[in-house]
Amino acid sequence: MAKLFLSLEGNPVKEFRLTRSRTTIGRRPNNDIQIDNLAVSGLHAVIEVVGQIYFIEDMQSTNGTLLNGEKLSRHPLKSGDDITIGKYKITFWREPAVAAKQEEFEKTMVMAAPQVANVTSKNEPAPQTTGGVVAVIRVLTGTNAGREMVLNKNVTSLGKTGLQVVAFTRKGNDYYITHVEGERRPLVNSREVGVKPQQLQEEDLIEVMGIRMAFFFR
């Protein structure tokens, strides 16, 4: 279970349970969480869950969104994080047992750029996923061209923190790519990935940090 605690100048205002895959925050009354204040944009920010991970994304608001005091575009949330929208503070909380699973996600972060880490030799046997289907990302350009990364976890992250990070999410035998952070969004077949996770099809061409990759099943 995940919750948001809305407060104003240290005074609690309301508590919200995050029961949807996408929760909108803004001044308009049709938002899931309405904050009726002129400093808040009509649609100010969105909280989205991908697998076990919650992300906060600023929807190009006028005054911006802060996470723990720093302006953001899109970023994963940890239990205890403080989101600032106008004069309001929103604290993100989730059960400790569930929050611990986020550590596994963070361990998959690829910090080395422009190289792609956590790759396997293309001659190595790949772990099997549900139904015997193996999803693979093959690097096409850069110093790691020809090498492969097997998507054998529910969430695998790729990129460099502060520059560009994407997440590959597995749901059964379907795979999705999601923009996590960075001003530049990843490209799939030369088109930017939008706000929602985009399902990948075999032979899709992906570009992250200027490195081109191909997605396919084995």
Protein backbone atom coordinates (compact mmCIF):
# COMPACT_ATOMS: atom_id res chain seq x y z
CA MET A 1 0.00 0.00 0.00
CA ALA A 2 1.18 3.52 -0.83
CA LYS A 3 -0.17 6.80 0.50
CA LEU A 4 0.24 10.54 0.11
CA PHE A 5 -0.02 12.96 3.04
CA LEU A 6 -0.94 16.50 2.02
CA SER A 7 0.02 19.33 4.38
CA LEU A 8 0.18 23.12 4.35
CA GLU A 9 2.77 24.94 6.44
CA GLY A 10 3.21 21.86 8.63
CA ASN A 11 -0.51 21.34 9.19
CA PRO A 12 -2.04 18.08 7.89
CA VAL A 13 -4.74 18.61 5.27
CA LYS A 14 -5.66 15.21 3.86
CA GLU A 15 -4.47 11.64 3.32
CA PHE A 16 -4.78 9.85 -0.03
CA ARG A 17 -4.38 6.17 -0.86
CA LEU A 18 -2.73 5.46 -4.20
CA THR A 19 -5.08 2.85 -5.64
CA ARG A 20 -4.73 3.73 -9.33
CA SER A 21 -1.92 3.22 -11.79
CA ARG A 22 -1.99 6.98 -12.53
CA THR A 23 -2.89 9.71 -10.02
CA THR A 24 -3.22 13.31 -11.20
CA ILE A 25 -2.51 16.38 -9.04
CA GLY A 26 -3.58 19.91 -9.93
CA ARG A 27 -5.89 22.86 -9.47
CA ARG A 28 -8.74 21.61 -11.67
CA PRO A 29 -11.54 19.72 -9.88
CA ASN A 30 -11.24 16.70 -12.20
CA ASN A 31 -7.84 15.81 -10.73
CA ASP A 32 -7.55 12.86 -8.36
CA ILE A 33 -5.93 15.24 -5.88
CA GLN A 34 -7.18 18.81 -6.22
CA ILE A 35 -5.17 21.66 -4.74
CA ASP A 36 -7.20 24.84 -5.20
CA ASN A 37 -4.39 27.38 -5.23
CA LEU A 38 -3.31 29.83 -7.94
CA ALA A 39 0.31 28.68 -7.64
CA VAL A 40 -0.79 25.21 -8.76
CA SER A 41 -1.31 24.50 -12.46
CA GLY A 42 -4.51 22.96 -13.80
CA LEU A 43 -2.73 19.64 -14.27
CA HIS A 44 0.43 20.08 -12.24
CA ALA A 45 1.93 16.63 -11.70
CA VAL A 46 1.22 12.93 -12.09
CA ILE A 47 2.17 9.97 -9.94
CA GLU A 48 2.39 6.75 -11.91
CA VAL A 49 3.20 3.20 -10.81
CA VAL A 50 5.28 0.98 -13.09
CA GLY A 51 5.67 -2.53 -11.71
CA GLN A 52 6.52 -1.92 -8.03
CA ILE A 53 7.96 1.55 -8.57
CA TYR A 54 6.13 4.87 -8.20
CA PHE A 55 7.23 7.85 -10.28
CA ILE A 56 6.43 11.54 -9.88
CA GLU A 57 6.36 13.60 -13.10
CA ASP A 58 5.92 17.33 -13.49
CA MET A 59 3.45 18.06 -16.30
CA GLN A 60 5.25 21.19 -17.50
CA SER A 61 3.65 23.20 -14.70
CA THR A 62 4.17 26.95 -14.45
CA ASN A 63 5.94 26.92 -11.07
CA GLY A 64 7.48 23.46 -11.21
CA THR A 65 7.51 20.53 -8.82
CA LEU A 66 10.17 19.92 -6.17
CA LEU A 67 11.26 16.56 -4.81
CA ASN A 68 13.12 16.90 -1.51
CA GLY A 69 13.85 20.52 -2.44
CA GLU A 70 15.10 19.89 -5.98
CA LYS A 71 13.22 20.61 -9.19
CA LEU A 72 12.33 17.54 -11.20
CA SER A 73 10.91 16.42 -14.51
CA ARG A 74 10.33 12.74 -13.67
CA HIS A 75 11.81 10.71 -10.82
CA PRO A 76 11.16 7.48 -8.87
CA LEU A 77 9.78 7.93 -5.34
CA LYS A 78 11.04 6.48 -2.07
CA SER A 79 9.06 6.20 1.13
CA GLY A 80 9.50 9.46 3.06
CA ASP A 81 10.10 11.65 0.00
CA ASP A 82 8.62 15.15 0.16
CA ILE A 83 6.99 16.64 -2.93
CA THR A 84 6.48 20.41 -2.95
CA ILE A 85 3.77 21.97 -5.13
CA GLY A 86 3.26 25.67 -4.49
CA LYS A 87 3.00 26.12 -0.71
CA TYR A 88 1.83 22.56 -0.21
CA LYS A 89 3.93 19.56 0.77
CA ILE A 90 3.00 16.01 -0.16
CA THR A 91 4.80 13.19 1.66
CA PHE A 92 5.01 9.82 -0.06
CA TRP A 93 4.76 6.71 2.14
CA ARG A 94 4.61 2.99 1.51
CA GLU A 95 4.78 -0.13 3.67
CA PRO A 96 8.35 -1.07 4.65
CA ALA A 97 8.13 -4.56 3.12
CA VAL A 98 7.10 -3.11 -0.22
CA ALA A 99 9.57 -0.25 -0.03
CA ALA A 100 12.39 -2.77 0.37
CA LYS A 101 11.65 -4.11 -3.11
CA GLN A 102 12.63 -0.73 -4.50
CA GLU A 103 16.24 -1.41 -3.51
CA GLU A 104 16.33 -4.18 -6.09
CA PHE A 105 15.25 -1.67 -8.72
CA GLU A 106 17.98 0.76 -7.73
CA LYS A 107 20.63 -1.98 -7.96
CA THR A 108 19.78 -2.37 -11.65
CA MET A 109 20.63 1.28 -12.40
CA VAL A 110 23.37 1.57 -14.99
CA MET A 111 25.64 4.38 -13.93
CA ALA A 112 28.32 4.23 -16.60
CA ALA A 113 27.78 6.40 -19.68
CA PRO A 114 28.13 6.26 -22.60
CA GLN A 115 28.87 2.57 -22.09
CA VAL A 116 26.06 0.14 -21.36
CA ALA A 117 26.75 -1.98 -18.29
CA ASN A 118 25.19 -5.22 -17.02
CA VAL A 119 25.48 -6.76 -20.48
CA THR A 120 26.16 -10.36 -21.40
CA SER A 121 28.26 -11.69 -24.20
CA LYS A 122 26.04 -12.60 -27.11
CA ASN A 123 27.40 -16.15 -26.93
CA GLU A 124 26.38 -16.61 -23.28
CA PRO A 125 23.25 -18.66 -22.54
CA ALA A 126 20.41 -16.35 -21.47
CA PRO A 127 18.16 -16.97 -18.47
CA GLN A 128 14.65 -18.12 -19.36
CA THR A 129 11.59 -16.06 -18.55
CA THR A 130 7.92 -17.01 -18.32
CA GLY A 131 6.91 -19.43 -21.06
CA GLY A 132 10.51 -19.81 -22.29
CA VAL A 133 10.53 -16.38 -23.96
CA VAL A 134 13.73 -14.38 -23.60
CA ALA A 135 13.75 -10.64 -24.28
CA VAL A 136 17.07 -9.13 -25.30
CA ILE A 137 18.42 -5.66 -25.95
CA ARG A 138 21.28 -5.68 -28.47
CA VAL A 139 23.58 -2.66 -28.61
CA LEU A 140 24.03 -1.40 -32.17
CA THR A 141 26.30 1.62 -31.75
CA GLY A 142 29.07 2.80 -29.42
CA THR A 143 31.89 0.92 -27.75
CA ASN A 144 29.59 -1.95 -26.72
CA ALA A 145 28.16 -2.53 -30.21
CA GLY A 146 27.26 -6.18 -30.70
CA ARG A 147 26.82 -6.95 -27.03
CA GLU A 148 23.50 -7.88 -25.45
CA MET A 149 21.54 -7.30 -22.24
CA VAL A 150 18.99 -9.93 -21.22
CA LEU A 151 15.82 -8.49 -19.64
CA ASN A 152 15.41 -11.20 -17.01
CA LYS A 153 14.03 -9.03 -14.17
CA ASN A 154 10.61 -7.51 -13.65
CA VAL A 155 12.19 -4.04 -13.83
CA THR A 156 15.55 -3.32 -15.47
CA SER A 157 16.84 0.23 -15.60
CA LEU A 158 19.29 1.62 -18.11
CA GLY A 159 21.04 4.98 -18.38
CA LYS A 160 22.86 7.46 -16.19
CA THR A 161 21.32 9.25 -13.22
CA GLY A 162 20.94 12.97 -13.88
CA LEU A 163 21.27 12.50 -17.62
CA GLN A 164 18.77 9.98 -18.95
CA VAL A 165 17.30 6.84 -17.37
CA VAL A 166 14.72 4.43 -18.77
CA ALA A 167 13.04 1.39 -17.24
CA PHE A 168 12.16 -1.84 -19.02
CA THR A 169 9.22 -3.54 -17.30
CA ARG A 170 8.14 -7.13 -17.83
CA LYS A 171 4.49 -8.16 -17.51
CA GLY A 172 4.21 -11.83 -18.42
CA ASN A 173 5.73 -12.05 -21.89
CA ASP A 174 5.08 -8.37 -22.66
CA TYR A 175 7.76 -5.71 -22.22
CA TYR A 176 7.36 -1.96 -21.80
CA ILE A 177 9.76 0.97 -21.86
CA THR A 178 9.20 3.96 -19.57
CA HIS A 179 10.98 7.31 -19.36
CA VAL A 180 12.26 7.70 -15.77
CA GLU A 181 14.32 10.87 -15.73
CA GLY A 182 16.22 13.33 -17.86
CA GLU A 183 15.18 16.19 -20.14
CA ARG A 184 15.53 14.02 -23.24
CA ARG A 185 13.10 11.17 -23.64
CA PRO A 186 14.14 7.85 -25.15
CA LEU A 187 13.21 7.12 -28.74
CA VAL A 188 11.48 4.04 -30.11
CA ASN A 189 11.61 3.85 -33.89
CA SER A 190 12.68 7.53 -33.93
CA ARG A 191 9.62 8.65 -31.89
CA GLU A 192 9.74 9.91 -28.31
CA VAL A 193 8.30 7.70 -25.60
CA GLY A 194 5.32 9.44 -24.00
CA VAL A 195 4.16 9.69 -20.40
CA LYS A 196 2.66 6.19 -20.30
CA PRO A 197 4.73 3.00 -20.61
CA GLN A 198 5.08 1.97 -24.25
CA GLN A 199 4.84 -1.68 -25.18
CA LEU A 200 7.79 -2.93 -27.19
CA GLN A 201 7.47 -5.00 -30.33
CA GLU A 202 10.10 -7.29 -31.78
CA GLU A 203 12.76 -5.48 -33.81
CA ASP A 204 11.90 -2.09 -32.30
CA LEU A 205 14.85 0.30 -32.45
CA ILE A 206 15.53 2.13 -29.17
CA GLU A 207 17.78 5.11 -28.55
CA VAL A 208 19.01 5.98 -25.03
CA MET A 209 21.75 8.59 -24.41
CA GLY A 210 22.48 8.58 -28.14
CA ILE A 211 23.13 4.82 -28.17
CA ARG A 212 20.98 2.78 -30.54
CA MET A 213 19.72 -0.63 -29.52
CA ALA A 214 17.39 -3.29 -30.91
CA PHE A 215 14.72 -5.15 -28.93
CA PHE A 216 13.90 -8.74 -29.84
CA PHE A 217 12.86 -12.12 -28.44
CA ARG A 218 14.97 -15.26 -28.51
